[in-house]
Amino acid sequence: MSTAIEVTPLPAPPDVTIEVPGSKSHTNRALLCAGLAVGRSQLTRVLFADDTEAMMGALRALGIGLDIDRAAGIVRVDGGLQPTGGPVERPVAVDVRQSGTTGRFLLPVLAAIPGRYVLDGHEQLRARPFGPQLAALRALGATVSGDALPMTIDGRALDGSIVRVDAAMSSQFLSGLLLAAPLLSGTTAIEVAGTMVSQPYVALTTSTMAVFGVPVEIHRASGDGPDDQPTQVHTVAGGPYRPADLDLEPDASAASYFFAAAAITGGRVRVDGLGRDTVQGDLRFVDVLARMGAEVTVGDRWTEVRGTGVLRGVTVDMADISDTAQTLAVVATFADGPTELTGIGFIRHKETDRIGAVVAELNRRGIEAAATPDGLIVRPGTPTPGLVETYADHRMAMSFALLGLRHRGILIDDPGCVAKTFPDYFEVLDRLRPDPR
C-alpha cells in the first residue's frame, strides 16, 4: 500500500487549461474493436493505465499484435481475433486484473471464439457480479463454468438469436454482448427490459463499433418488459469488424475532478478536447455544476467551468453519470444546503460499495451524510483534518482529494490506487497551483 499524502489548500483560485488523459472507456472499447478487425488499426491519445493495460495484456495473450508508442500515445493494433480455429489443447489464460470493462467485454467475445480460455482477475474483480451477462450468454448456447471469476470458457461458434439481458446493475453487461454480437452468425437482437443504468456508456459502445464498420440498430418495443415497461432492442448483424484509425477523446470522468475544483474554489478550469460533440455522457456533470451555481461554457471541442462563489444544494439523478457521483458528493460539502444524489443504488457493486464508502469517509471527517436506498444525501460542512480511506478505489482517492484544495489536513490513503485510470492524477492536480517561478 502506498504512503498517504496530504493535499494542501490552493493559495489562490486556479486559472488554467488542464490536459487530462485519454478516456479509459473509449480506449478499451476501441482496443477490442481493433483487435476483432482483420488488419491494422491506429489509435491515438490512448490512455496508459491499469485498466487499459489489462485490455492490452489480454489481447496479447489472445495473439493480437500491438505496436505501442507510449510517448506519442499511439497504439497500432494488428487485429484478427476471429472465430476461425478449433479447440486448443491448453486453455489460454486471460488476466483482466481489476478491469471490469475488460472482463465484461471479453467474456462474451471468448464465448464466441472456438477454444478454451480461463478468464481471471484481481481479488477485487472476483467479487464483482457477472450474473446477468452469464444468463444471457448461456441462453445463446455459450458454455461457461462458474458464476464469477475465475471462469473457464469453452468457446465455440454461436448462432445469433433474440436474447434478453438485465442491465439494471451495469451497462457493461449489455456493452459486452454488443461487442461480441458481430461474431455470431446471423442477426442478434439484444433486449433490455425496464431500467438500464449508465446509458451513455452504451451509446459510446455503439458509436465505437460504428467507427469499425459495425452498425447497431436500436428501437423500443412498448409493453414487453416487466410490468409492461418498454423494452429497448439492440440489433446487430453478424459480420466482420473493419480496421480504422481513431483519435480517442480525453476522459470526461477524469475531467470532472478539475471542473469540480473550479466550482469549489471560485477559479477557472478549461479542458480541451471535450465539447458539445463528445461521445461521453460524463461531460453532463458540468450541467449539474451549472445547476448548483457555477458558470459553464461548452464549445465544439472544449469545456470551461468558472466558480462563482455560490453553490446551491440540489437533488439530482446520477444514474447516467454515476462515475462522477463521488465527485459531486464532495462538491456538495461546499453547497449552501443539502444535496441528494439519486438513481445510483447500483454503485454499491463497483470497485467498492461507493455509497457506503463515501458516507463513511464524509462522516469520519465530520460531514453529515447518509445513505438512501438509491443514493445518498450530503449536508454541507467543514471537514475535520485527518485520513481518508480509499478502499482501493481510484475514484475515492481522486474525489476526496478535492477537499484538500480548500481545507487543511486532508490526507489521502493509498494514493497509488489512482493508477487504475489516471496514474499522474496528483501531478496534474498540482497544476491548479500558480507557477512558482
Protein backbone atom coordinates (compact mmCIF):
# COMPACT_ATOMS: atom_id res chain seq x y z
CA MET A 1 0.00 0.00 0.00
CA SER A 2 1.25 3.46 -0.88
CA THR A 3 2.05 6.01 1.81
CA ALA A 4 -0.70 8.53 2.47
CA ILE A 5 -0.24 12.01 1.03
CA GLU A 6 -1.58 15.36 2.18
CA VAL A 7 -3.37 17.62 -0.26
CA THR A 8 -2.71 21.23 0.70
CA PRO A 9 -5.09 24.13 0.02
CA LEU A 10 -4.60 26.19 -3.12
CA PRO A 11 -3.00 29.60 -2.40
CA ALA A 12 -5.28 31.21 -5.00
CA PRO A 13 -8.16 30.16 -7.26
CA PRO A 14 -6.88 28.37 -10.37
CA ASP A 15 -6.94 29.97 -13.80
CA VAL A 16 -5.70 27.18 -16.05
CA THR A 17 -6.26 24.93 -19.02
CA ILE A 18 -5.80 21.31 -17.97
CA GLU A 19 -4.93 18.34 -20.16
CA VAL A 20 -6.48 15.10 -18.97
CA PRO A 21 -5.55 11.65 -20.27
CA GLY A 22 -7.45 9.73 -22.91
CA SER A 23 -10.73 8.12 -21.99
CA LYS A 24 -10.46 4.73 -20.33
CA SER A 25 -13.91 3.75 -21.56
CA HIS A 26 -13.19 4.85 -25.13
CA THR A 27 -9.72 3.25 -25.11
CA ASN A 28 -10.90 -0.19 -24.03
CA ARG A 29 -13.79 -0.28 -26.48
CA ALA A 30 -11.53 0.83 -29.33
CA LEU A 31 -8.78 -1.65 -28.43
CA LEU A 32 -11.21 -4.56 -28.52
CA CYS A 33 -12.87 -3.46 -31.76
CA ALA A 34 -9.43 -3.06 -33.35
CA GLY A 35 -8.44 -6.49 -32.07
CA LEU A 36 -11.51 -8.03 -33.71
CA ALA A 37 -10.89 -6.27 -37.04
CA VAL A 38 -8.71 -8.12 -39.55
CA GLY A 39 -5.90 -5.70 -40.42
CA ARG A 40 -4.08 -2.77 -38.81
CA SER A 41 -5.82 -0.02 -36.88
CA GLN A 42 -4.20 3.00 -35.27
CA LEU A 43 -5.46 4.53 -32.04
CA THR A 44 -4.18 7.89 -30.85
CA ARG A 45 -4.45 9.64 -27.46
CA VAL A 46 -4.56 6.21 -25.84
CA LEU A 47 -4.77 6.04 -22.06
CA PHE A 48 -1.99 4.00 -20.45
CA ALA A 49 -3.32 2.98 -17.04
CA ASP A 50 -4.00 -0.27 -15.20
CA ASP A 51 -7.43 -0.81 -16.79
CA THR A 52 -6.23 -0.28 -20.34
CA GLU A 53 -3.02 -2.22 -19.75
CA ALA A 54 -5.32 -5.07 -18.70
CA MET A 55 -7.07 -4.95 -22.06
CA MET A 56 -3.79 -4.74 -23.96
CA GLY A 57 -2.36 -7.64 -21.97
CA ALA A 58 -5.45 -9.73 -22.63
CA LEU A 59 -5.30 -9.04 -26.37
CA ARG A 60 -1.65 -10.04 -26.43
CA ALA A 61 -2.49 -13.28 -24.60
CA LEU A 62 -5.00 -13.97 -27.38
CA GLY A 63 -2.41 -13.45 -30.10
CA ILE A 64 -3.15 -9.87 -31.15
CA GLY A 65 -0.12 -7.80 -32.15
CA LEU A 66 0.29 -4.37 -30.54
CA ASP A 67 2.83 -1.77 -31.62
CA ILE A 68 2.90 0.74 -28.77
CA ASP A 69 4.40 4.24 -28.75
CA ARG A 70 3.78 5.42 -25.20
CA ALA A 71 5.45 8.79 -25.65
CA ALA A 72 3.14 9.65 -28.55
CA GLY A 73 0.08 7.98 -27.03
CA ILE A 74 -0.32 5.72 -30.07
CA VAL A 75 -1.19 2.03 -30.32
CA ARG A 76 -1.23 0.21 -33.65
CA VAL A 77 -3.30 -2.95 -33.46
CA ASP A 78 -2.83 -5.86 -35.85
CA GLY A 79 -6.22 -7.44 -35.36
CA GLY A 80 -7.81 -10.65 -36.41
CA LEU A 81 -9.31 -12.25 -33.31
CA GLN A 82 -11.98 -14.24 -35.15
CA PRO A 83 -13.90 -17.49 -34.61
CA THR A 84 -11.99 -19.45 -37.21
CA GLY A 85 -9.96 -22.07 -35.36
CA GLY A 86 -10.69 -25.24 -33.45
CA PRO A 87 -10.38 -26.02 -29.75
CA VAL A 88 -6.89 -25.83 -28.28
CA GLU A 89 -5.37 -28.43 -26.02
CA ARG A 90 -4.22 -26.00 -23.34
CA PRO A 91 -6.52 -23.22 -22.06
CA VAL A 92 -5.44 -19.67 -22.81
CA ALA A 93 -5.08 -17.75 -19.53
CA VAL A 94 -6.52 -14.25 -19.75
CA ASP A 95 -5.86 -11.97 -16.77
CA VAL A 96 -8.12 -8.90 -16.68
CA ARG A 97 -6.60 -7.53 -13.46
CA GLN A 98 -9.07 -5.11 -11.78
CA SER A 99 -10.69 -4.02 -15.02
CA GLY A 100 -14.44 -4.54 -15.11
CA THR A 101 -14.66 -3.33 -18.70
CA THR A 102 -12.01 -5.79 -19.84
CA GLY A 103 -13.64 -8.74 -18.08
CA ARG A 104 -17.21 -7.98 -19.11
CA PHE A 105 -16.25 -7.14 -22.69
CA LEU A 106 -14.05 -10.20 -23.23
CA LEU A 107 -16.31 -12.82 -21.64
CA PRO A 108 -18.90 -12.76 -24.47
CA VAL A 109 -16.19 -12.44 -27.13
CA LEU A 110 -14.33 -15.52 -25.86
CA ALA A 111 -17.58 -17.47 -25.64
CA ALA A 112 -17.98 -16.99 -29.41
CA ILE A 113 -14.41 -17.89 -30.42
CA PRO A 114 -13.61 -21.64 -30.59
CA GLY A 115 -11.07 -22.57 -27.96
CA ARG A 116 -10.73 -22.93 -24.22
CA TYR A 117 -10.00 -19.92 -22.04
CA VAL A 118 -9.60 -19.22 -18.35
CA LEU A 119 -10.72 -15.69 -17.52
CA ASP A 120 -9.49 -14.38 -14.17
CA GLY A 121 -8.58 -11.17 -12.42
CA HIS A 122 -7.74 -9.41 -9.17
CA GLU A 123 -9.49 -10.44 -5.96
CA GLN A 124 -11.47 -7.19 -6.10
CA LEU A 125 -12.90 -8.07 -9.52
CA ARG A 126 -13.57 -11.65 -8.44
CA ALA A 127 -16.10 -10.20 -6.00
CA ARG A 128 -17.95 -8.21 -8.67
CA PRO A 129 -21.03 -9.67 -10.37
CA PHE A 130 -21.31 -11.18 -13.85
CA GLY A 131 -24.65 -12.96 -13.36
CA PRO A 132 -26.93 -11.09 -15.80
CA GLN A 133 -24.38 -11.33 -18.59
CA LEU A 134 -23.77 -15.02 -17.95
CA ALA A 135 -27.51 -15.70 -18.06
CA ALA A 136 -27.75 -14.05 -21.49
CA LEU A 137 -24.71 -15.92 -22.81
CA ARG A 138 -25.99 -19.28 -21.64
CA ALA A 139 -29.32 -18.52 -23.29
CA LEU A 140 -27.35 -18.12 -26.55
CA GLY A 141 -25.76 -21.54 -26.03
CA ALA A 142 -22.41 -20.46 -24.56
CA THR A 143 -20.54 -22.83 -22.27
CA VAL A 144 -19.05 -21.08 -19.24
CA SER A 145 -18.09 -22.78 -15.98
CA GLY A 146 -18.53 -20.67 -12.87
CA ASP A 147 -20.60 -17.64 -11.97
CA ALA A 148 -17.74 -15.31 -11.03
CA LEU A 149 -14.05 -15.02 -11.83
CA PRO A 150 -12.17 -17.25 -12.40
CA MET A 151 -14.29 -18.76 -15.17
CA THR A 152 -13.48 -21.40 -17.76
CA ILE A 153 -14.96 -20.68 -21.18
CA ASP A 154 -15.34 -23.34 -23.86
CA GLY A 155 -15.71 -21.03 -26.81
CA ARG A 156 -17.49 -22.17 -29.93
CA ALA A 157 -19.31 -20.73 -32.93
CA LEU A 158 -22.66 -19.35 -31.77
CA ASP A 159 -25.78 -18.51 -33.74
CA GLY A 160 -27.42 -15.14 -33.40
CA SER A 161 -30.78 -15.10 -31.69
CA ILE A 162 -33.08 -12.99 -29.55
CA VAL A 163 -31.72 -12.71 -26.03
CA ARG A 164 -32.62 -10.62 -23.01
CA VAL A 165 -30.18 -9.06 -20.56
CA ASP A 166 -30.77 -7.29 -17.26
CA ALA A 167 -28.74 -4.05 -17.31
CA ALA A 168 -30.07 -2.57 -14.07
CA MET A 169 -26.79 -3.30 -12.28
CA SER A 170 -24.28 -2.45 -15.03
CA SER A 171 -24.47 -1.31 -18.64
CA GLN A 172 -21.22 -3.24 -19.20
CA PHE A 173 -23.26 -6.46 -19.42
CA LEU A 174 -25.04 -5.08 -22.49
CA SER A 175 -21.91 -3.47 -23.97
CA GLY A 176 -20.03 -6.77 -23.81
CA LEU A 177 -22.84 -8.60 -25.61
CA LEU A 178 -22.99 -5.89 -28.27
CA LEU A 179 -19.24 -6.05 -28.88
CA ALA A 180 -19.43 -9.83 -29.34
CA ALA A 181 -22.62 -9.86 -31.45
CA PRO A 182 -20.87 -9.45 -34.85
CA LEU A 183 -19.04 -12.74 -34.16
CA LEU A 184 -22.31 -14.65 -34.07
CA SER A 185 -23.80 -15.99 -37.28
CA GLY A 186 -26.95 -14.30 -38.48
CA THR A 187 -28.60 -11.46 -36.58
CA THR A 188 -28.59 -10.96 -32.82
CA ALA A 189 -31.31 -8.96 -31.08
CA ILE A 190 -30.48 -7.99 -27.51
CA GLU A 191 -33.45 -6.90 -25.44
CA VAL A 192 -33.13 -4.74 -22.34
CA ALA A 193 -36.35 -4.60 -20.37
CA GLY A 194 -37.02 -1.97 -17.75
CA THR A 195 -34.25 0.02 -16.14
CA MET A 196 -30.85 0.37 -17.77
CA VAL A 197 -28.16 2.29 -15.89
CA SER A 198 -25.35 4.35 -17.43
CA GLN A 199 -27.00 4.53 -20.86
CA PRO A 200 -24.40 6.96 -22.28
CA TYR A 201 -21.79 4.21 -21.97
CA VAL A 202 -23.86 2.01 -24.25
CA ALA A 203 -24.00 4.89 -26.73
CA LEU A 204 -20.20 5.05 -26.51
CA THR A 205 -20.06 1.34 -27.29
CA THR A 206 -22.31 1.62 -30.35
CA SER A 207 -20.54 4.72 -31.68
CA THR A 208 -17.16 2.98 -31.38
CA MET A 209 -18.48 -0.12 -33.12
CA ALA A 210 -19.77 2.09 -35.95
CA VAL A 211 -16.28 3.54 -36.48
CA PHE A 212 -15.08 -0.05 -37.02
CA GLY A 213 -17.82 -0.80 -39.55
CA VAL A 214 -20.46 -2.44 -37.36
CA PRO A 215 -23.77 -0.56 -37.11
CA VAL A 216 -26.19 -1.21 -34.26
CA GLU A 217 -29.89 -0.58 -34.78
CA ILE A 218 -31.88 0.45 -31.71
CA HIS A 219 -35.62 0.62 -31.27
CA ARG A 220 -38.13 0.42 -28.46
CA ALA A 221 -40.97 -2.08 -28.15
CA SER A 222 -43.84 -1.00 -25.92
CA GLY A 223 -45.07 -3.11 -23.08
CA ASP A 224 -42.74 -6.08 -23.49
CA GLY A 225 -40.81 -5.62 -20.26
CA PRO A 226 -41.70 -6.36 -16.62
CA ASP A 227 -44.86 -4.54 -15.53
CA ASP A 228 -45.41 -3.52 -19.16
CA GLN A 229 -42.28 -1.37 -19.24
CA PRO A 230 -40.94 -0.66 -22.74
CA THR A 231 -38.13 -2.86 -23.98
CA GLN A 232 -35.10 -1.41 -25.74
CA VAL A 233 -33.89 -3.71 -28.52
CA HIS A 234 -30.37 -3.56 -29.99
CA THR A 235 -29.98 -5.43 -33.27
CA VAL A 236 -26.58 -6.39 -34.71
CA ALA A 237 -25.97 -8.34 -37.91
CA GLY A 238 -23.17 -10.87 -37.96
CA GLY A 239 -20.19 -9.71 -39.96
CA PRO A 240 -16.60 -8.56 -39.64
CA TYR A 241 -15.22 -5.51 -37.94
CA ARG A 242 -13.11 -3.36 -40.26
CA PRO A 243 -9.80 -1.70 -39.33
CA ALA A 244 -9.99 2.01 -38.56
CA ASP A 245 -7.91 4.90 -37.30
CA LEU A 246 -9.40 6.65 -34.28
CA ASP A 247 -8.38 9.66 -32.20
CA LEU A 248 -9.69 8.97 -28.72
CA GLU A 249 -11.25 11.65 -26.55
CA PRO A 250 -9.90 12.91 -23.22
CA ASP A 251 -11.57 11.19 -20.29
CA ALA A 252 -14.72 13.04 -19.23
CA SER A 253 -14.83 11.24 -15.87
CA ALA A 254 -11.25 12.37 -15.16
CA ALA A 255 -12.13 15.90 -16.23
CA SER A 256 -14.91 16.02 -13.62
CA TYR A 257 -12.41 16.47 -10.79
CA PHE A 258 -10.95 19.59 -12.37
CA PHE A 259 -14.33 21.07 -13.26
CA ALA A 260 -15.32 20.45 -9.63
CA ALA A 261 -12.11 22.13 -8.44
CA ALA A 262 -13.07 25.29 -10.32
CA ALA A 263 -16.56 25.27 -8.84
CA ILE A 264 -15.44 24.87 -5.21
CA THR A 265 -12.53 27.34 -5.34
CA GLY A 266 -14.04 30.15 -7.41
CA GLY A 267 -11.46 29.56 -10.14
CA ARG A 268 -11.48 28.83 -13.87
CA VAL A 269 -10.58 25.47 -15.41
CA ARG A 270 -10.81 24.64 -19.08
CA VAL A 271 -10.35 21.19 -20.62
CA ASP A 272 -9.64 20.97 -24.33
CA GLY A 273 -10.84 18.06 -26.47
CA LEU A 274 -14.19 17.70 -24.69
CA GLY A 275 -17.06 19.70 -26.13
CA ARG A 276 -20.62 19.52 -27.32
CA ASP A 277 -19.79 16.77 -29.82
CA THR A 278 -18.36 14.40 -27.20
CA VAL A 279 -19.35 10.73 -27.25
CA GLN A 280 -19.01 10.55 -23.44
CA GLY A 281 -22.01 11.05 -21.21
CA ASP A 282 -19.98 12.03 -18.14
CA LEU A 283 -19.49 15.53 -19.54
CA ARG A 284 -23.07 16.08 -18.36
CA PHE A 285 -21.51 16.52 -14.92
CA VAL A 286 -20.93 20.17 -15.81
CA ASP A 287 -24.70 20.58 -16.21
CA VAL A 288 -25.05 19.63 -12.54
CA LEU A 289 -22.39 22.18 -11.59
CA ALA A 290 -24.32 24.80 -13.56
CA ARG A 291 -27.48 23.95 -11.63
CA MET A 292 -25.52 24.46 -8.43
CA GLY A 293 -24.35 27.92 -9.50
CA ALA A 294 -21.13 27.53 -11.49
CA GLU A 295 -20.71 29.22 -14.87
CA VAL A 296 -20.28 26.63 -17.61
CA THR A 297 -19.33 27.22 -21.24
CA VAL A 298 -19.23 24.34 -23.72
CA GLY A 299 -17.59 24.83 -27.11
CA ASP A 300 -17.25 22.45 -30.03
CA ARG A 301 -14.02 20.96 -28.67
CA TRP A 302 -13.60 22.42 -25.18
CA THR A 303 -15.43 22.96 -21.91
CA GLU A 304 -14.80 25.58 -19.24
CA VAL A 305 -16.12 25.93 -15.68
CA ARG A 306 -15.86 29.08 -13.56
CA GLY A 307 -16.68 29.11 -9.88
CA THR A 308 -18.91 31.99 -8.78
CA GLY A 309 -18.55 31.67 -5.03
CA VAL A 310 -22.09 30.30 -4.82
CA LEU A 311 -23.02 26.63 -4.77
CA ARG A 312 -26.61 25.57 -4.17
CA GLY A 313 -27.72 22.21 -2.85
CA VAL A 314 -29.62 20.16 -5.45
CA THR A 315 -31.41 16.88 -5.92
CA VAL A 316 -30.07 15.11 -8.99
CA ASP A 317 -30.48 11.73 -10.66
CA MET A 318 -26.94 10.46 -11.33
CA ALA A 319 -27.91 7.14 -12.95
CA ASP A 320 -26.39 8.07 -16.31
CA ILE A 321 -23.24 9.71 -14.89
CA SER A 322 -22.57 7.51 -11.89
CA ASP A 323 -18.76 7.65 -12.21
CA THR A 324 -19.00 11.30 -11.17
CA ALA A 325 -21.18 10.64 -8.13
CA GLN A 326 -18.29 10.65 -5.66
CA THR A 327 -17.05 13.92 -7.15
CA LEU A 328 -20.45 15.51 -6.65
CA ALA A 329 -20.67 14.20 -3.08
CA VAL A 330 -17.50 16.14 -2.26
CA VAL A 331 -18.71 19.27 -4.08
CA ALA A 332 -21.91 19.04 -2.02
CA THR A 333 -19.97 19.70 1.18
CA PHE A 334 -19.38 23.26 -0.11
CA ALA A 335 -23.02 23.98 -1.02
CA ASP A 336 -25.48 26.17 0.88
CA GLY A 337 -27.89 23.34 1.61
CA PRO A 338 -28.26 19.56 1.38
CA THR A 339 -27.64 17.70 -1.87
CA GLU A 340 -29.31 14.40 -2.68
CA LEU A 341 -27.87 12.01 -5.25
CA THR A 342 -30.44 9.54 -6.58
CA GLY A 343 -30.59 6.69 -9.08
CA ILE A 344 -27.25 5.15 -8.13
CA GLY A 345 -28.01 2.21 -5.86
CA PHE A 346 -26.09 0.02 -8.30
CA ILE A 347 -22.75 1.67 -7.47
CA ARG A 348 -22.67 -0.42 -4.32
CA HIS A 349 -21.28 -3.13 -6.64
CA LYS A 350 -18.37 -1.18 -8.14
CA GLU A 351 -14.71 -1.37 -7.02
CA THR A 352 -16.13 -0.92 -3.54
CA ASP A 353 -19.53 -0.05 -2.12
CA ARG A 354 -19.28 3.52 -3.35
CA ILE A 355 -22.31 4.71 -1.41
CA GLY A 356 -21.19 3.17 1.86
CA ALA A 357 -17.59 4.29 1.38
CA VAL A 358 -18.50 7.91 0.60
CA VAL A 359 -20.88 8.16 3.53
CA ALA A 360 -18.36 6.56 5.91
CA GLU A 361 -15.49 8.84 4.91
CA LEU A 362 -17.57 12.02 4.98
CA ASN A 363 -18.87 11.05 8.43
CA ARG A 364 -15.34 10.34 9.66
CA ARG A 365 -14.35 13.84 8.63
CA GLY A 366 -17.31 15.34 10.46
CA ILE A 367 -19.58 15.87 7.44
CA GLU A 368 -23.19 14.77 7.83
CA ALA A 369 -24.06 12.25 5.12
CA ALA A 370 -26.46 9.34 4.95
CA ALA A 371 -27.21 6.52 2.53
CA THR A 372 -30.62 6.17 0.92
CA PRO A 373 -31.99 3.14 -0.94
CA ASP A 374 -30.81 4.52 -4.30
CA GLY A 375 -28.15 7.07 -3.37
CA LEU A 376 -27.10 9.39 -0.58
CA ILE A 377 -27.71 12.78 1.00
CA VAL A 378 -24.86 15.15 1.90
CA ARG A 379 -25.22 18.20 4.13
CA PRO A 380 -22.62 20.97 3.84
CA GLY A 381 -19.97 21.46 6.48
CA THR A 382 -16.30 21.93 7.25
CA PRO A 383 -14.34 18.67 7.37
CA THR A 384 -12.04 17.88 10.24
CA PRO A 385 -8.39 17.14 9.40
CA GLY A 386 -7.49 13.51 9.06
CA LEU A 387 -7.02 10.46 6.87
CA VAL A 388 -9.44 9.48 4.11
CA GLU A 389 -9.57 5.74 3.43
CA THR A 390 -9.84 4.94 -0.26
CA TYR A 391 -10.85 1.25 -0.24
CA ALA A 392 -8.52 0.56 -3.21
CA ASP A 393 -10.95 2.66 -5.28
CA HIS A 394 -9.33 5.18 -7.61
CA ARG A 395 -12.41 7.42 -7.62
CA MET A 396 -12.48 7.64 -3.83
CA ALA A 397 -8.90 8.95 -3.88
CA MET A 398 -9.42 11.44 -6.69
CA SER A 399 -12.72 12.86 -5.46
CA PHE A 400 -11.79 13.23 -1.77
CA ALA A 401 -8.50 14.90 -2.71
CA LEU A 402 -10.65 17.89 -3.72
CA LEU A 403 -11.45 18.52 -0.05
CA GLY A 404 -7.80 19.34 0.50
CA LEU A 405 -7.87 22.14 -2.08
CA ARG A 406 -9.89 24.20 0.42
CA HIS A 407 -9.32 22.59 3.83
CA ARG A 408 -6.09 21.86 5.68
CA GLY A 409 -5.06 18.49 6.99
CA ILE A 410 -6.74 16.22 4.44
CA LEU A 411 -4.66 13.10 3.85
CA ILE A 412 -5.43 10.52 1.16
CA ASP A 413 -4.56 6.92 1.95
CA ASP A 414 -3.17 4.66 -0.79
CA PRO A 415 -2.91 7.39 -3.43
CA GLY A 416 -1.32 4.89 -5.80
CA CYS A 417 -4.75 3.36 -6.45
CA VAL A 418 -5.36 6.16 -8.98
CA ALA A 419 -3.13 4.21 -11.39
CA LYS A 420 -6.24 2.25 -12.36
CA THR A 421 -7.36 5.09 -14.68
CA PHE A 422 -5.23 8.22 -14.05
CA PRO A 423 -1.66 7.38 -12.96
CA ASP A 424 -0.43 11.00 -12.75
CA TYR A 425 -3.59 12.44 -11.18
CA PHE A 426 -1.87 14.12 -8.25
CA GLU A 427 0.75 15.69 -10.52
CA VAL A 428 -2.00 17.10 -12.74
CA LEU A 429 -3.91 18.30 -9.67
CA ASP A 430 -0.85 20.31 -8.69
CA ARG A 431 -1.12 22.19 -12.00
CA LEU A 432 -4.02 24.06 -10.44
CA ARG A 433 -1.43 25.86 -8.33
CA PRO A 434 0.28 29.07 -9.53
CA ASP A 435 3.62 28.60 -11.30
CA PRO A 436 6.24 29.04 -8.53
CA ARG A 437 8.50 30.86 -10.99
